[in-house]
Every structure is written in structure tokens, then in C-alpha cells.
Amino acid sequence: MNTTTIAISGDFIGQIETPYGVQMVNHGQALDHMQMRQAQLNSLLQLMQGDDGLSEFRSLAHTAQESLLWMALQMSEEIGQMMNIVIRDGDKKRGA
């Protein structure tokens, strides 16, 4: 894994690990990132849905199918990491 840190201004509340490095985030960026990845994942999965989408997906080369599934997994993992950051930050603010 690349260990490059991507600096983002603001009060950092956490970091996520991605294939391209570590990203430090603040609360607002975590929420924005979650919403962006959720919309992207939703769109990707809608394209693979139904008879037409599923048959189109299955007609792709095996490596293309693996890449799309890896991308969906990466999006899901980033959403989970961001959710954990936001939850921990909320707990800290509430004194939990």
C-alpha cells in the first residue's frame, strides 16, 4: 500500500486508508465523502440490476467483472470507514 498522506485542511477527526494512500478527514468531509461514495455505489449496482444489466455484466471479460466488483467493495469499505469516523466524532462530542 502506498503510504502517501493526502493533507486536507480543517480539524481532522480521523483517517481512511485507500489503495492510493491515507486520507485525513474532518467531519464535513467525512459526510460528503460518504454521500459521494453511496451515490456512486448505488449507480453502479443499478447498472448491474435486472435481466439486461446482469446479462451485460456477465458478458464482460472476467477481469472487467472482477474490477467492477472490486470497485464496489472499495466504495463500500470507504463508506464504512467514514461512518465509523463520524460515529466516533459524535460520541466524543457527546462525551460518551
N, C-alpha and C. Protein backbone atom coordinates (compact mmCIF):
# COMPACT_ATOMS: atom_id res chain seq x y z
N MET A 1 0.84 -1.18 0.00
CA MET A 1 0.00 0.00 0.00
C MET A 1 0.88 1.23 0.00
N ASN A 2 0.49 2.21 -0.77
CA ASN A 2 1.15 3.50 -0.79
C ASN A 2 0.85 4.20 0.53
N THR A 3 1.86 4.80 1.16
CA THR A 3 1.65 5.45 2.44
C THR A 3 1.64 6.96 2.34
N THR A 4 1.40 7.49 1.16
CA THR A 4 1.31 8.92 0.98
C THR A 4 0.13 9.46 1.77
N THR A 5 0.33 10.55 2.49
CA THR A 5 -0.75 11.20 3.22
C THR A 5 -1.26 12.36 2.39
N ILE A 6 -2.56 12.40 2.20
CA ILE A 6 -3.19 13.48 1.46
C ILE A 6 -3.70 14.49 2.48
N ALA A 7 -3.08 15.64 2.55
CA ALA A 7 -3.43 16.63 3.56
C ALA A 7 -4.69 17.38 3.15
N ILE A 8 -5.59 17.50 4.10
CA ILE A 8 -6.83 18.24 3.89
C ILE A 8 -6.95 19.22 5.04
N SER A 9 -7.27 20.47 4.74
CA SER A 9 -7.33 21.47 5.78
C SER A 9 -8.52 21.23 6.70
N GLY A 10 -8.41 21.73 7.91
CA GLY A 10 -9.50 21.62 8.87
C GLY A 10 -9.10 20.80 10.07
N ASP A 11 -10.03 20.64 10.98
CA ASP A 11 -9.79 19.85 12.18
C ASP A 11 -10.01 18.38 11.85
N PHE A 12 -8.94 17.63 11.85
CA PHE A 12 -9.02 16.22 11.50
C PHE A 12 -9.73 15.44 12.59
N ILE A 13 -10.63 14.56 12.19
CA ILE A 13 -11.31 13.70 13.15
C ILE A 13 -10.98 12.24 12.90
N GLY A 14 -10.26 11.96 11.82
CA GLY A 14 -9.91 10.58 11.53
C GLY A 14 -9.22 10.47 10.19
N GLN A 15 -8.95 9.23 9.82
CA GLN A 15 -8.31 8.97 8.54
C GLN A 15 -8.85 7.66 7.97
N ILE A 16 -8.83 7.57 6.66
CA ILE A 16 -9.18 6.32 5.99
C ILE A 16 -8.00 5.87 5.17
N GLU A 17 -7.88 4.57 5.03
CA GLU A 17 -6.85 4.01 4.17
C GLU A 17 -7.49 3.65 2.84
N THR A 18 -6.84 4.05 1.77
CA THR A 18 -7.31 3.77 0.42
C THR A 18 -6.16 3.13 -0.34
N PRO A 19 -6.44 2.56 -1.50
CA PRO A 19 -5.35 1.97 -2.29
C PRO A 19 -4.28 2.97 -2.68
N TYR A 20 -4.60 4.26 -2.67
CA TYR A 20 -3.64 5.28 -3.11
C TYR A 20 -3.03 6.04 -1.95
N GLY A 21 -3.33 5.67 -0.71
CA GLY A 21 -2.70 6.33 0.43
C GLY A 21 -3.67 6.48 1.60
N VAL A 22 -3.30 7.36 2.50
CA VAL A 22 -4.10 7.65 3.68
C VAL A 22 -4.70 9.03 3.52
N GLN A 23 -5.99 9.15 3.81
CA GLN A 23 -6.67 10.43 3.67
C GLN A 23 -7.16 10.87 5.04
N MET A 24 -6.70 12.04 5.49
CA MET A 24 -7.17 12.63 6.73
C MET A 24 -8.45 13.39 6.43
N VAL A 25 -9.44 13.29 7.31
CA VAL A 25 -10.73 13.93 7.04
C VAL A 25 -11.24 14.66 8.27
N ASN A 26 -12.04 15.68 8.01
CA ASN A 26 -12.78 16.33 9.09
C ASN A 26 -14.24 15.91 8.98
N HIS A 27 -15.07 16.34 9.90
CA HIS A 27 -16.46 15.86 9.96
C HIS A 27 -17.22 16.11 8.66
N GLY A 28 -17.17 17.34 8.15
CA GLY A 28 -17.90 17.68 6.93
C GLY A 28 -17.42 16.89 5.73
N GLN A 29 -16.11 16.70 5.63
CA GLN A 29 -15.57 15.93 4.52
C GLN A 29 -15.97 14.46 4.61
N ALA A 30 -16.04 13.94 5.83
CA ALA A 30 -16.46 12.55 6.00
C ALA A 30 -17.90 12.37 5.52
N LEU A 31 -18.77 13.31 5.88
CA LEU A 31 -20.17 13.22 5.43
C LEU A 31 -20.26 13.34 3.92
N ASP A 32 -19.54 14.30 3.35
CA ASP A 32 -19.55 14.48 1.89
C ASP A 32 -19.02 13.24 1.18
N HIS A 33 -17.94 12.68 1.70
CA HIS A 33 -17.33 11.50 1.08
C HIS A 33 -18.28 10.32 1.13
N MET A 34 -18.95 10.14 2.27
CA MET A 34 -19.93 9.05 2.40
C MET A 34 -21.05 9.20 1.39
N GLN A 35 -21.58 10.42 1.26
CA GLN A 35 -22.67 10.65 0.33
C GLN A 35 -22.23 10.43 -1.11
N MET A 36 -21.02 10.88 -1.46
CA MET A 36 -20.50 10.69 -2.81
C MET A 36 -20.34 9.21 -3.14
N ARG A 37 -19.68 8.46 -2.25
CA ARG A 37 -19.46 7.04 -2.50
C ARG A 37 -20.77 6.25 -2.52
N GLN A 38 -21.72 6.63 -1.67
CA GLN A 38 -23.00 5.93 -1.65
C GLN A 38 -23.74 6.15 -2.96
N ALA A 39 -23.72 7.36 -3.50
CA ALA A 39 -24.37 7.65 -4.77
C ALA A 39 -23.68 6.88 -5.91
N GLN A 40 -22.35 6.83 -5.89
CA GLN A 40 -21.61 6.09 -6.92
C GLN A 40 -21.91 4.60 -6.84
N LEU A 41 -21.91 4.05 -5.64
CA LEU A 41 -22.18 2.63 -5.47
C LEU A 41 -23.60 2.30 -5.90
N ASN A 42 -24.54 3.14 -5.53
CA ASN A 42 -25.94 2.95 -5.92
C ASN A 42 -26.06 2.93 -7.44
N SER A 43 -25.43 3.86 -8.12
CA SER A 43 -25.49 3.92 -9.59
C SER A 43 -24.87 2.69 -10.23
N LEU A 44 -23.72 2.28 -9.71
CA LEU A 44 -23.05 1.10 -10.25
C LEU A 44 -23.94 -0.14 -10.11
N LEU A 45 -24.51 -0.32 -8.94
CA LEU A 45 -25.34 -1.51 -8.71
C LEU A 45 -26.63 -1.46 -9.53
N GLN A 46 -27.17 -0.27 -9.76
CA GLN A 46 -28.37 -0.17 -10.60
C GLN A 46 -28.07 -0.61 -12.03
N LEU A 47 -26.86 -0.32 -12.52
CA LEU A 47 -26.48 -0.75 -13.87
C LEU A 47 -26.38 -2.26 -13.98
N MET A 48 -26.09 -2.93 -12.87
CA MET A 48 -25.92 -4.39 -12.87
C MET A 48 -27.21 -5.12 -12.52
N GLN A 49 -28.27 -4.39 -12.32
CA GLN A 49 -29.54 -4.95 -11.84
C GLN A 49 -30.44 -5.36 -12.99
N GLY A 50 -31.31 -6.30 -12.73
CA GLY A 50 -32.28 -6.73 -13.72
C GLY A 50 -31.66 -7.67 -14.75
N ASP A 51 -32.52 -8.23 -15.57
CA ASP A 51 -32.04 -9.20 -16.57
C ASP A 51 -31.04 -8.58 -17.53
N ASP A 52 -31.34 -7.38 -18.04
CA ASP A 52 -30.44 -6.74 -19.00
C ASP A 52 -29.10 -6.39 -18.36
N GLY A 53 -29.16 -5.76 -17.19
CA GLY A 53 -27.92 -5.37 -16.52
C GLY A 53 -27.07 -6.55 -16.13
N LEU A 54 -27.72 -7.58 -15.61
CA LEU A 54 -26.98 -8.76 -15.19
C LEU A 54 -26.37 -9.49 -16.39
N SER A 55 -27.11 -9.60 -17.47
CA SER A 55 -26.54 -10.28 -18.65
C SER A 55 -25.41 -9.46 -19.26
N GLU A 56 -25.53 -8.13 -19.24
CA GLU A 56 -24.43 -7.27 -19.73
C GLU A 56 -23.19 -7.45 -18.86
N PHE A 57 -23.40 -7.49 -17.55
CA PHE A 57 -22.28 -7.68 -16.63
C PHE A 57 -21.60 -9.03 -16.88
N ARG A 58 -22.41 -10.07 -17.03
CA ARG A 58 -21.86 -11.41 -17.24
C ARG A 58 -21.18 -11.56 -18.60
N SER A 59 -21.52 -10.68 -19.54
CA SER A 59 -20.89 -10.76 -20.86
C SER A 59 -19.52 -10.08 -20.88
N LEU A 60 -19.19 -9.35 -19.83
CA LEU A 60 -17.88 -8.70 -19.75
C LEU A 60 -16.79 -9.74 -19.53
N ALA A 61 -15.60 -9.38 -19.89
CA ALA A 61 -14.46 -10.25 -19.61
C ALA A 61 -14.35 -10.45 -18.10
N HIS A 62 -13.82 -11.59 -17.71
CA HIS A 62 -13.69 -11.93 -16.30
C HIS A 62 -12.95 -10.84 -15.52
N THR A 63 -11.88 -10.31 -16.10
CA THR A 63 -11.10 -9.27 -15.41
C THR A 63 -11.92 -8.00 -15.23
N ALA A 64 -12.78 -7.67 -16.20
CA ALA A 64 -13.63 -6.48 -16.07
C ALA A 64 -14.66 -6.70 -14.97
N GLN A 65 -15.22 -7.90 -14.90
CA GLN A 65 -16.17 -8.20 -13.83
C GLN A 65 -15.49 -8.07 -12.47
N GLU A 66 -14.31 -8.63 -12.34
CA GLU A 66 -13.56 -8.54 -11.08
C GLU A 66 -13.27 -7.09 -10.72
N SER A 67 -12.89 -6.28 -11.70
CA SER A 67 -12.59 -4.87 -11.44
C SER A 67 -13.82 -4.11 -10.95
N LEU A 68 -14.97 -4.36 -11.57
CA LEU A 68 -16.19 -3.70 -11.14
C LEU A 68 -16.59 -4.11 -9.73
N LEU A 69 -16.45 -5.39 -9.44
CA LEU A 69 -16.78 -5.86 -8.09
C LEU A 69 -15.79 -5.33 -7.06
N TRP A 70 -14.52 -5.24 -7.43
CA TRP A 70 -13.52 -4.66 -6.54
C TRP A 70 -13.85 -3.19 -6.26
N MET A 71 -14.26 -2.47 -7.31
CA MET A 71 -14.62 -1.06 -7.14
C MET A 71 -15.81 -0.92 -6.19
N ALA A 72 -16.81 -1.77 -6.34
CA ALA A 72 -17.97 -1.73 -5.45
C ALA A 72 -17.55 -2.02 -4.01
N LEU A 73 -16.67 -3.00 -3.82
CA LEU A 73 -16.18 -3.33 -2.49
C LEU A 73 -15.42 -2.15 -1.89
N GLN A 74 -14.55 -1.52 -2.68
CA GLN A 74 -13.78 -0.38 -2.20
C GLN A 74 -14.71 0.76 -1.77
N MET A 75 -15.74 1.03 -2.57
CA MET A 75 -16.70 2.08 -2.21
C MET A 75 -17.39 1.75 -0.89
N SER A 76 -17.80 0.51 -0.75
CA SER A 76 -18.47 0.07 0.47
C SER A 76 -17.55 0.20 1.68
N GLU A 77 -16.29 -0.18 1.52
CA GLU A 77 -15.33 -0.08 2.62
C GLU A 77 -15.09 1.38 3.01
N GLU A 78 -14.99 2.27 2.02
CA GLU A 78 -14.79 3.69 2.32
C GLU A 78 -16.01 4.26 3.05
N ILE A 79 -17.20 3.87 2.63
CA ILE A 79 -18.42 4.32 3.32
C ILE A 79 -18.38 3.86 4.78
N GLY A 80 -18.02 2.60 5.01
CA GLY A 80 -17.93 2.08 6.37
C GLY A 80 -16.90 2.81 7.21
N GLN A 81 -15.73 3.08 6.64
CA GLN A 81 -14.70 3.81 7.37
C GLN A 81 -15.17 5.21 7.74
N MET A 82 -15.82 5.89 6.79
CA MET A 82 -16.32 7.24 7.06
C MET A 82 -17.42 7.22 8.12
N MET A 83 -18.30 6.23 8.06
CA MET A 83 -19.35 6.12 9.07
C MET A 83 -18.74 5.96 10.46
N ASN A 84 -17.72 5.11 10.58
CA ASN A 84 -17.07 4.92 11.87
C ASN A 84 -16.44 6.20 12.38
N ILE A 85 -15.82 6.97 11.49
CA ILE A 85 -15.22 8.25 11.88
C ILE A 85 -16.28 9.20 12.40
N VAL A 86 -17.38 9.33 11.67
CA VAL A 86 -18.44 10.25 12.07
C VAL A 86 -19.07 9.81 13.39
N ILE A 87 -19.28 8.51 13.56
CA ILE A 87 -19.86 8.00 14.81
C ILE A 87 -18.93 8.26 15.99
N ARG A 88 -17.63 7.96 15.82
CA ARG A 88 -16.66 8.23 16.90
C ARG A 88 -16.62 9.71 17.24
N ASP A 89 -16.65 10.57 16.22
CA ASP A 89 -16.63 12.00 16.45
C ASP A 89 -17.87 12.44 17.23
N GLY A 90 -19.03 11.90 16.86
CA GLY A 90 -20.26 12.23 17.58
C GLY A 90 -20.20 11.77 19.02
N ASP A 91 -19.66 10.57 19.24
CA ASP A 91 -19.52 10.06 20.61
C ASP A 91 -18.62 10.96 21.44
N LYS A 92 -17.51 11.43 20.85
CA LYS A 92 -16.59 12.32 21.57
C LYS A 92 -17.30 13.63 21.94
N LYS A 93 -18.08 14.15 21.00
CA LYS A 93 -18.76 15.43 21.27
C LYS A 93 -19.83 15.28 22.35
N ARG A 94 -20.42 14.08 22.45
CA ARG A 94 -21.42 13.83 23.49
C ARG A 94 -20.80 13.39 24.79
N GLY A 95 -19.49 13.16 24.79
CA GLY A 95 -18.80 12.73 25.99
C GLY A 95 -18.97 11.27 26.30
N ALA A 96 -19.34 10.48 25.29
CA ALA A 96 -19.54 9.04 25.50
C ALA A 96 -18.25 8.30 25.59
